[in-house]
Amino acid sequence: MNKQEIIKELCEIYMTQGFRTVWNDVDDEYNWERQNIGGYPVVKQNPENFDQERYHKRAREIGEMLNQEGGLSLMQEIAYSVQNTIGSKPANELSRCWNRIGPWVD
């Protein structure tokens, strides 16, 4: 995958599912925040796509791949590109999702 494909996939993950899942009792609050504060679409999350720490599995796989291929600097480059493409809230969620991948600390 090239950088543009990775950025596109991460943006699509956020727009369709988010980088983290929420407990059922706060699902409405999470979606309200996405819509009314961030201007992002409401999502219906598939629990199978999230790990036990509530982070999107594929987004974490991408972070692991980037860390192996280029370390922290490549991860930062991609994260900044996600921020420039769809905003700071998604980038903040991505940062939390990538916590403890290689040297990444959120």
C-alpha atoms as a PDB file:
ATOM      1  CA  MET A   1       0.000   0.000   0.000  1.00  0.00           C
ATOM      2  CA  ASN A   2       1.218   3.480  -0.730  1.00  0.00           C
ATOM      3  CA  LYS A   3       0.779   6.438   1.629  1.00  0.00           C
ATOM      4  CA  GLN A   4      -2.260   7.832  -0.168  1.00  0.00           C
ATOM      5  CA  GLU A   5      -4.056   4.474   0.016  1.00  0.00           C
ATOM      6  CA  ILE A   6      -3.268   4.215   3.732  1.00  0.00           C
ATOM      7  CA  ILE A   7      -4.550   7.728   4.410  1.00  0.00           C
ATOM      8  CA  LYS A   8      -7.696   7.023   2.399  1.00  0.00           C
ATOM      9  CA  GLU A   9      -8.339   3.770   4.284  1.00  0.00           C
ATOM     10  CA  LEU A  10      -7.828   5.396   7.690  1.00  0.00           C
ATOM     11  CA  CYS A  11     -10.182   8.253   6.773  1.00  0.00           C
ATOM     12  CA  GLU A  12     -12.767   5.740   5.580  1.00  0.00           C
ATOM     13  CA  ILE A  13     -12.464   3.735   8.812  1.00  0.00           C
ATOM     14  CA  TYR A  14     -13.087   6.876  10.845  1.00  0.00           C
ATOM     15  CA  MET A  15     -15.991   8.068   8.745  1.00  0.00           C
ATOM     16  CA  THR A  16     -17.759   4.699   8.736  1.00  0.00           C
ATOM     17  CA  GLN A  17     -16.897   3.252  12.162  1.00  0.00           C
ATOM     18  CA  GLY A  18     -14.537   5.431  14.179  1.00  0.00           C
ATOM     19  CA  PHE A  19     -11.173   4.430  15.620  1.00  0.00           C
ATOM     20  CA  ARG A  20     -12.601   3.414  18.974  1.00  0.00           C
ATOM     21  CA  THR A  21     -15.808   1.794  20.042  1.00  0.00           C
ATOM     22  CA  VAL A  22     -18.009   2.972  22.858  1.00  0.00           C
ATOM     23  CA  TRP A  23     -20.136   1.169  25.384  1.00  0.00           C
ATOM     24  CA  ASN A  24     -23.797   0.821  24.436  1.00  0.00           C
ATOM     25  CA  ASP A  25     -24.943   3.233  27.150  1.00  0.00           C
ATOM     26  CA  VAL A  26     -22.878   6.086  25.672  1.00  0.00           C
ATOM     27  CA  ASP A  27     -23.388   5.251  21.993  1.00  0.00           C
ATOM     28  CA  ASP A  28     -25.897   8.073  21.537  1.00  0.00           C
ATOM     29  CA  GLU A  29     -23.601  10.568  23.277  1.00  0.00           C
ATOM     30  CA  TYR A  30     -20.644   9.548  21.071  1.00  0.00           C
ATOM     31  CA  ASN A  31     -22.708   9.958  17.907  1.00  0.00           C
ATOM     32  CA  TRP A  32     -24.171  13.265  19.120  1.00  0.00           C
ATOM     33  CA  GLU A  33     -20.625  14.535  19.631  1.00  0.00           C
ATOM     34  CA  ARG A  34     -19.549  13.260  16.189  1.00  0.00           C
ATOM     35  CA  GLN A  35     -22.472  15.025  14.497  1.00  0.00           C
ATOM     36  CA  ASN A  36     -22.842  18.226  16.445  1.00  0.00           C
ATOM     37  CA  ILE A  37     -19.289  19.053  17.433  1.00  0.00           C
ATOM     38  CA  GLY A  38     -17.252  17.469  14.672  1.00  0.00           C
ATOM     39  CA  GLY A  39     -19.753  17.437  11.821  1.00  0.00           C
ATOM     40  CA  TYR A  40     -19.059  13.745  11.173  1.00  0.00           C
ATOM     41  CA  PRO A  41     -21.677  11.133  10.297  1.00  0.00           C
ATOM     42  CA  VAL A  42     -23.387   8.916  12.838  1.00  0.00           C
ATOM     43  CA  VAL A  43     -21.890   5.442  12.876  1.00  0.00           C
ATOM     44  CA  LYS A  44     -23.146   1.964  13.643  1.00  0.00           C
ATOM     45  CA  GLN A  45     -20.159   0.061  14.914  1.00  0.00           C
ATOM     46  CA  ASN A  46     -19.576  -3.633  14.371  1.00  0.00           C
ATOM     47  CA  PRO A  47     -18.050  -4.965  17.622  1.00  0.00           C
ATOM     48  CA  GLU A  48     -16.088  -7.589  15.666  1.00  0.00           C
ATOM     49  CA  ASN A  49     -13.953  -4.812  14.179  1.00  0.00           C
ATOM     50  CA  PHE A  50     -12.682  -3.666  17.579  1.00  0.00           C
ATOM     51  CA  ASP A  51     -10.204  -5.241  19.978  1.00  0.00           C
ATOM     52  CA  GLN A  52     -10.671  -5.794  23.712  1.00  0.00           C
ATOM     53  CA  GLU A  53      -9.276  -2.312  24.414  1.00  0.00           C
ATOM     54  CA  ARG A  54     -12.036  -0.886  22.162  1.00  0.00           C
ATOM     55  CA  TYR A  55      -9.755   0.209  19.295  1.00  0.00           C
ATOM     56  CA  HIS A  56     -10.351  -0.524  15.639  1.00  0.00           C
ATOM     57  CA  LYS A  57      -8.343  -3.639  14.724  1.00  0.00           C
ATOM     58  CA  ARG A  58      -7.509  -2.612  11.159  1.00  0.00           C
ATOM     59  CA  ALA A  59      -6.429   0.891  12.210  1.00  0.00           C
ATOM     60  CA  ARG A  60      -4.064  -0.696  14.743  1.00  0.00           C
ATOM     61  CA  GLU A  61      -2.765  -3.115  12.091  1.00  0.00           C
ATOM     62  CA  ILE A  62      -1.974  -0.137   9.886  1.00  0.00           C
ATOM     63  CA  GLY A  63      -0.155   1.547  12.769  1.00  0.00           C
ATOM     64  CA  GLU A  64       1.909  -1.603  13.372  1.00  0.00           C
ATOM     65  CA  MET A  65       2.772  -1.802   9.669  1.00  0.00           C
ATOM     66  CA  LEU A  66       3.813   1.858   9.552  1.00  0.00           C
ATOM     67  CA  ASN A  67       5.943   1.419  12.662  1.00  0.00           C
ATOM     68  CA  GLN A  68       7.721  -1.558  11.112  1.00  0.00           C
ATOM     69  CA  GLU A  69       8.275   0.199   7.800  1.00  0.00           C
ATOM     70  CA  GLY A  70       9.264   3.673   8.957  1.00  0.00           C
ATOM     71  CA  GLY A  71       8.962   4.015  12.703  1.00  0.00           C
ATOM     72  CA  LEU A  72       7.580   7.003  14.526  1.00  0.00           C
ATOM     73  CA  SER A  73       8.308   9.499  11.752  1.00  0.00           C
ATOM     74  CA  LEU A  74       6.184   7.590   9.211  1.00  0.00           C
ATOM     75  CA  MET A  75       3.369   7.152  11.734  1.00  0.00           C
ATOM     76  CA  GLN A  76       3.437  10.905  12.450  1.00  0.00           C
ATOM     77  CA  GLU A  77       3.412  11.746   8.759  1.00  0.00           C
ATOM     78  CA  ILE A  78       0.327   9.602   8.175  1.00  0.00           C
ATOM     79  CA  ALA A  79      -1.419  10.910  11.302  1.00  0.00           C
ATOM     80  CA  TYR A  80      -0.809  14.523  10.199  1.00  0.00           C
ATOM     81  CA  SER A  81      -2.190  13.680   6.772  1.00  0.00           C
ATOM     82  CA  VAL A  82      -5.331  12.217   8.351  1.00  0.00           C
ATOM     83  CA  GLN A  83      -5.657  15.403  10.415  1.00  0.00           C
ATOM     84  CA  ASN A  84      -5.239  17.585   7.334  1.00  0.00           C
ATOM     85  CA  THR A  85      -7.785  15.496   5.439  1.00  0.00           C
ATOM     86  CA  ILE A  86     -10.621  15.054   7.950  1.00  0.00           C
ATOM     87  CA  GLY A  87      -9.726  17.124  11.026  1.00  0.00           C
ATOM     88  CA  SER A  88      -8.218  17.111  14.489  1.00  0.00           C
ATOM     89  CA  LYS A  89     -10.885  15.059  16.283  1.00  0.00           C
ATOM     90  CA  PRO A  90     -10.291  12.012  14.063  1.00  0.00           C
ATOM     91  CA  ALA A  91      -6.536  12.524  14.415  1.00  0.00           C
ATOM     92  CA  ASN A  92      -6.902  12.585  18.209  1.00  0.00           C
ATOM     93  CA  GLU A  93      -8.864   9.331  18.120  1.00  0.00           C
ATOM     94  CA  LEU A  94      -6.246   7.817  15.833  1.00  0.00           C
ATOM     95  CA  SER A  95      -3.517   8.860  18.241  1.00  0.00           C
ATOM     96  CA  ARG A  96      -5.285   7.076  21.102  1.00  0.00           C
ATOM     97  CA  CYS A  97      -5.839   4.058  18.844  1.00  0.00           C
ATOM     98  CA  TRP A  98      -2.101   3.863  18.076  1.00  0.00           C
ATOM     99  CA  ASN A  99      -1.044   4.245  21.723  1.00  0.00           C
ATOM    100  CA  ARG A 100       1.778   1.824  22.611  1.00  0.00           C
ATOM    101  CA  ILE A 101       2.528   0.865  18.995  1.00  0.00           C
ATOM    102  CA  GLY A 102       6.292   1.127  18.868  1.00  0.00           C
ATOM    103  CA  PRO A 103       7.345   4.461  20.377  1.00  0.00           C
ATOM    104  CA  TRP A 104       3.888   6.059  19.909  1.00  0.00           C
ATOM    105  CA  VAL A 105       2.525   7.385  23.207  1.00  0.00           C
ATOM    106  CA  ASP A 106      -0.750   9.230  23.625  1.00  0.00           C
END
